[in-house]
């Protein structure tokens, strides 16, 4: 991959997926090993906001049967 004039590179999608790195939410760090190799990893200790889907999870409070719900949704 190419490095921009600002020293930036794009982390490939498959690497971001594997490391669970999300844009504008996560940070990465570069760690040099004893043998001189560099490792990129997700920075530890980050608090992530729940996704918009996770925020919708919960327990239903309406006490309706499946048939009652189906009749409401189907009119």
N, C-alpha and C. Protein backbone atom coordinates (compact mmCIF):
# COMPACT_ATOMS: atom_id res chain seq x y z
N UNK A 1 0.83 -1.17 0.00
CA UNK A 1 0.00 0.00 0.00
C UNK A 1 0.88 1.24 0.00
N UNK A 2 0.35 2.30 -0.50
CA UNK A 2 1.12 3.55 -0.59
C UNK A 2 0.93 4.39 0.66
N UNK A 3 1.94 5.16 0.95
CA UNK A 3 1.90 6.09 2.06
C UNK A 3 1.67 7.48 1.48
N UNK A 4 0.71 8.23 2.04
CA UNK A 4 0.43 9.57 1.54
C UNK A 4 1.54 10.54 1.99
N UNK A 5 1.49 11.75 1.48
CA UNK A 5 2.48 12.75 1.85
C UNK A 5 2.40 13.11 3.34
N UNK A 6 1.25 12.83 3.96
CA UNK A 6 1.09 13.07 5.39
C UNK A 6 1.49 11.86 6.24
N UNK A 7 1.99 10.80 5.59
CA UNK A 7 2.40 9.60 6.31
C UNK A 7 1.23 8.68 6.64
N UNK A 8 0.13 8.80 5.94
CA UNK A 8 -1.05 8.01 6.23
C UNK A 8 -1.16 6.82 5.29
N UNK A 9 -1.72 5.73 5.80
CA UNK A 9 -2.04 4.56 4.99
C UNK A 9 -3.46 4.13 5.33
N UNK A 10 -4.06 3.41 4.43
CA UNK A 10 -5.39 2.86 4.69
C UNK A 10 -5.23 1.43 5.18
N UNK A 11 -5.83 1.13 6.33
CA UNK A 11 -5.80 -0.24 6.84
C UNK A 11 -6.81 -1.03 6.03
N UNK A 12 -6.40 -2.12 5.40
CA UNK A 12 -7.33 -2.90 4.57
C UNK A 12 -8.56 -3.35 5.36
N UNK A 13 -9.69 -3.44 4.66
CA UNK A 13 -10.96 -3.79 5.29
C UNK A 13 -10.87 -5.11 6.05
N UNK A 14 -10.24 -6.12 5.46
CA UNK A 14 -10.19 -7.43 6.13
C UNK A 14 -9.39 -7.36 7.44
N UNK A 15 -8.41 -6.47 7.51
CA UNK A 15 -7.64 -6.29 8.74
C UNK A 15 -8.49 -5.55 9.77
N UNK A 16 -9.20 -4.50 9.34
CA UNK A 16 -10.09 -3.77 10.26
C UNK A 16 -11.17 -4.69 10.82
N UNK A 17 -11.72 -5.53 9.95
CA UNK A 17 -12.74 -6.49 10.41
C UNK A 17 -12.16 -7.46 11.42
N UNK A 18 -10.98 -7.98 11.13
CA UNK A 18 -10.35 -8.97 12.01
C UNK A 18 -10.00 -8.37 13.37
N UNK A 19 -9.58 -7.10 13.38
CA UNK A 19 -9.22 -6.43 14.64
C UNK A 19 -10.40 -5.70 15.28
N UNK A 20 -11.55 -5.73 14.62
CA UNK A 20 -12.76 -5.03 15.09
C UNK A 20 -12.46 -3.54 15.29
N UNK A 21 -11.86 -2.93 14.28
CA UNK A 21 -11.53 -1.50 14.30
C UNK A 21 -12.61 -0.75 13.54
N UNK A 22 -13.20 0.25 14.19
CA UNK A 22 -14.25 1.06 13.56
C UNK A 22 -13.74 2.48 13.35
N UNK A 23 -14.04 3.06 12.18
CA UNK A 23 -13.59 4.42 11.89
C UNK A 23 -14.19 5.41 12.88
N UNK A 24 -13.41 6.41 13.24
CA UNK A 24 -13.80 7.52 14.12
C UNK A 24 -14.14 7.07 15.53
N UNK A 25 -14.00 5.79 15.86
CA UNK A 25 -14.29 5.31 17.21
C UNK A 25 -13.05 4.73 17.89
N UNK A 26 -12.23 4.05 17.12
CA UNK A 26 -11.12 3.30 17.69
C UNK A 26 -9.78 3.92 17.36
N UNK A 27 -8.80 3.58 18.17
CA UNK A 27 -7.42 3.98 17.92
C UNK A 27 -6.59 2.72 17.78
N UNK A 28 -5.49 2.85 17.05
CA UNK A 28 -4.55 1.74 16.92
C UNK A 28 -3.21 2.19 17.46
N UNK A 29 -2.39 1.23 17.80
CA UNK A 29 -1.04 1.57 18.25
C UNK A 29 -0.05 0.69 17.51
N UNK A 30 1.16 1.19 17.38
CA UNK A 30 2.23 0.47 16.72
C UNK A 30 3.24 0.05 17.78
N UNK A 31 3.55 -1.23 17.80
CA UNK A 31 4.44 -1.79 18.82
C UNK A 31 5.62 -2.44 18.11
N UNK A 32 6.83 -2.10 18.56
CA UNK A 32 8.03 -2.70 17.97
C UNK A 32 8.43 -3.91 18.81
N UNK A 33 8.59 -5.05 18.14
CA UNK A 33 8.98 -6.27 18.83
C UNK A 33 10.48 -6.30 19.07
N UNK A 34 10.95 -7.27 19.85
CA UNK A 34 12.40 -7.38 20.14
C UNK A 34 13.23 -7.61 18.88
N UNK A 35 12.64 -8.30 17.90
CA UNK A 35 13.41 -8.58 16.68
C UNK A 35 13.30 -7.44 15.65
N UNK A 36 12.65 -6.33 16.03
CA UNK A 36 12.60 -5.16 15.16
C UNK A 36 11.38 -5.06 14.27
N UNK A 37 10.50 -6.06 14.31
CA UNK A 37 9.27 -6.00 13.50
C UNK A 37 8.26 -5.08 14.17
N UNK A 38 7.42 -4.46 13.37
CA UNK A 38 6.38 -3.59 13.89
C UNK A 38 5.05 -4.32 13.82
N UNK A 39 4.26 -4.16 14.87
CA UNK A 39 2.93 -4.77 14.94
C UNK A 39 1.92 -3.65 15.12
N UNK A 40 0.82 -3.73 14.37
CA UNK A 40 -0.28 -2.80 14.56
C UNK A 40 -1.35 -3.53 15.36
N UNK A 41 -1.90 -2.87 16.36
CA UNK A 41 -2.98 -3.49 17.14
C UNK A 41 -3.94 -2.42 17.62
N UNK A 42 -5.12 -2.87 17.92
CA UNK A 42 -6.14 -1.98 18.46
C UNK A 42 -5.68 -1.55 19.85
N UNK A 43 -5.76 -0.24 20.12
CA UNK A 43 -5.35 0.27 21.42
C UNK A 43 -6.24 -0.31 22.50
N UNK A 44 -5.66 -0.68 23.60
CA UNK A 44 -6.39 -1.31 24.69
C UNK A 44 -7.09 -0.28 25.55
N UNK A 45 -8.12 -0.70 26.26
CA UNK A 45 -8.79 0.14 27.24
C UNK A 45 -9.75 1.16 26.66
N UNK A 46 -10.21 0.95 25.45
CA UNK A 46 -11.14 1.92 24.87
C UNK A 46 -12.57 1.56 25.24
N UNK A 47 -13.34 2.56 25.57
CA UNK A 47 -14.76 2.38 25.83
C UNK A 47 -15.50 2.68 24.53
N UNK A 48 -16.24 1.72 24.05
CA UNK A 48 -16.97 1.90 22.80
C UNK A 48 -18.43 2.11 23.10
N UNK A 49 -19.02 3.10 22.41
CA UNK A 49 -20.46 3.30 22.52
C UNK A 49 -21.15 2.10 21.89
N UNK A 50 -22.27 1.67 22.46
CA UNK A 50 -23.00 0.57 21.83
C UNK A 50 -23.50 1.00 20.45
N UNK A 51 -23.56 0.06 19.54
CA UNK A 51 -24.05 0.36 18.20
C UNK A 51 -25.53 0.74 18.27
N UNK A 52 -26.02 1.34 17.21
CA UNK A 52 -27.43 1.74 17.21
C UNK A 52 -28.34 0.52 17.33
N UNK A 53 -27.87 -0.64 16.89
CA UNK A 53 -28.66 -1.85 17.01
C UNK A 53 -28.61 -2.39 18.44
N UNK A 54 -27.45 -2.32 19.07
CA UNK A 54 -27.32 -2.79 20.44
C UNK A 54 -28.18 -1.96 21.39
N UNK A 55 -28.30 -0.66 21.09
CA UNK A 55 -29.12 0.19 21.94
C UNK A 55 -30.60 -0.19 21.89
N UNK A 56 -31.02 -0.81 20.79
CA UNK A 56 -32.42 -1.19 20.64
C UNK A 56 -32.74 -2.54 21.28
N UNK A 57 -31.73 -3.28 21.67
CA UNK A 57 -31.97 -4.58 22.29
C UNK A 57 -32.57 -4.40 23.67
N UNK A 58 -33.40 -5.32 24.04
CA UNK A 58 -33.98 -5.24 25.37
C UNK A 58 -35.08 -6.27 25.53
N UNK A 59 -35.84 -6.10 26.54
CA UNK A 59 -36.94 -7.01 26.84
C UNK A 59 -38.24 -6.34 26.47
N UNK A 60 -39.08 -7.07 25.79
CA UNK A 60 -40.39 -6.53 25.42
C UNK A 60 -41.23 -6.32 26.67
N UNK A 61 -41.96 -5.23 26.70
CA UNK A 61 -42.79 -4.93 27.86
C UNK A 61 -44.27 -5.14 27.57
N UNK A 62 -44.60 -5.39 26.31
CA UNK A 62 -45.99 -5.59 25.93
C UNK A 62 -46.32 -7.06 26.13
N UNK A 63 -47.42 -7.32 26.82
CA UNK A 63 -47.84 -8.70 27.06
C UNK A 63 -48.90 -9.09 26.03
N UNK A 64 -48.41 -9.48 24.86
CA UNK A 64 -49.34 -9.88 23.79
C UNK A 64 -48.91 -11.24 23.28
N UNK A 65 -49.87 -11.97 22.79
CA UNK A 65 -49.55 -13.26 22.18
C UNK A 65 -49.03 -13.01 20.76
N UNK A 66 -48.42 -14.03 20.20
CA UNK A 66 -47.93 -13.92 18.82
C UNK A 66 -49.08 -13.63 17.87
N UNK A 67 -50.21 -14.29 18.08
CA UNK A 67 -51.37 -14.07 17.21
C UNK A 67 -51.86 -12.62 17.29
N UNK A 68 -51.86 -12.04 18.48
CA UNK A 68 -52.29 -10.65 18.63
C UNK A 68 -51.32 -9.70 17.91
N UNK A 69 -50.04 -9.95 18.04
CA UNK A 69 -49.04 -9.11 17.36
C UNK A 69 -49.19 -9.25 15.85
N UNK A 70 -49.36 -10.48 15.36
CA UNK A 70 -49.50 -10.69 13.92
C UNK A 70 -50.75 -9.99 13.38
N UNK A 71 -51.84 -10.01 14.13
CA UNK A 71 -53.05 -9.33 13.65
C UNK A 71 -52.86 -7.82 13.61
N UNK A 72 -52.08 -7.28 14.56
CA UNK A 72 -51.80 -5.85 14.54
C UNK A 72 -50.93 -5.46 13.35
N UNK A 73 -49.92 -6.26 13.07
CA UNK A 73 -48.99 -5.90 11.99
C UNK A 73 -49.58 -6.14 10.62
N UNK A 74 -50.52 -7.07 10.53
CA UNK A 74 -51.11 -7.38 9.22
C UNK A 74 -52.44 -6.66 9.00
N UNK A 75 -52.89 -5.96 10.00
CA UNK A 75 -54.13 -5.21 9.84
C UNK A 75 -55.30 -6.09 9.88
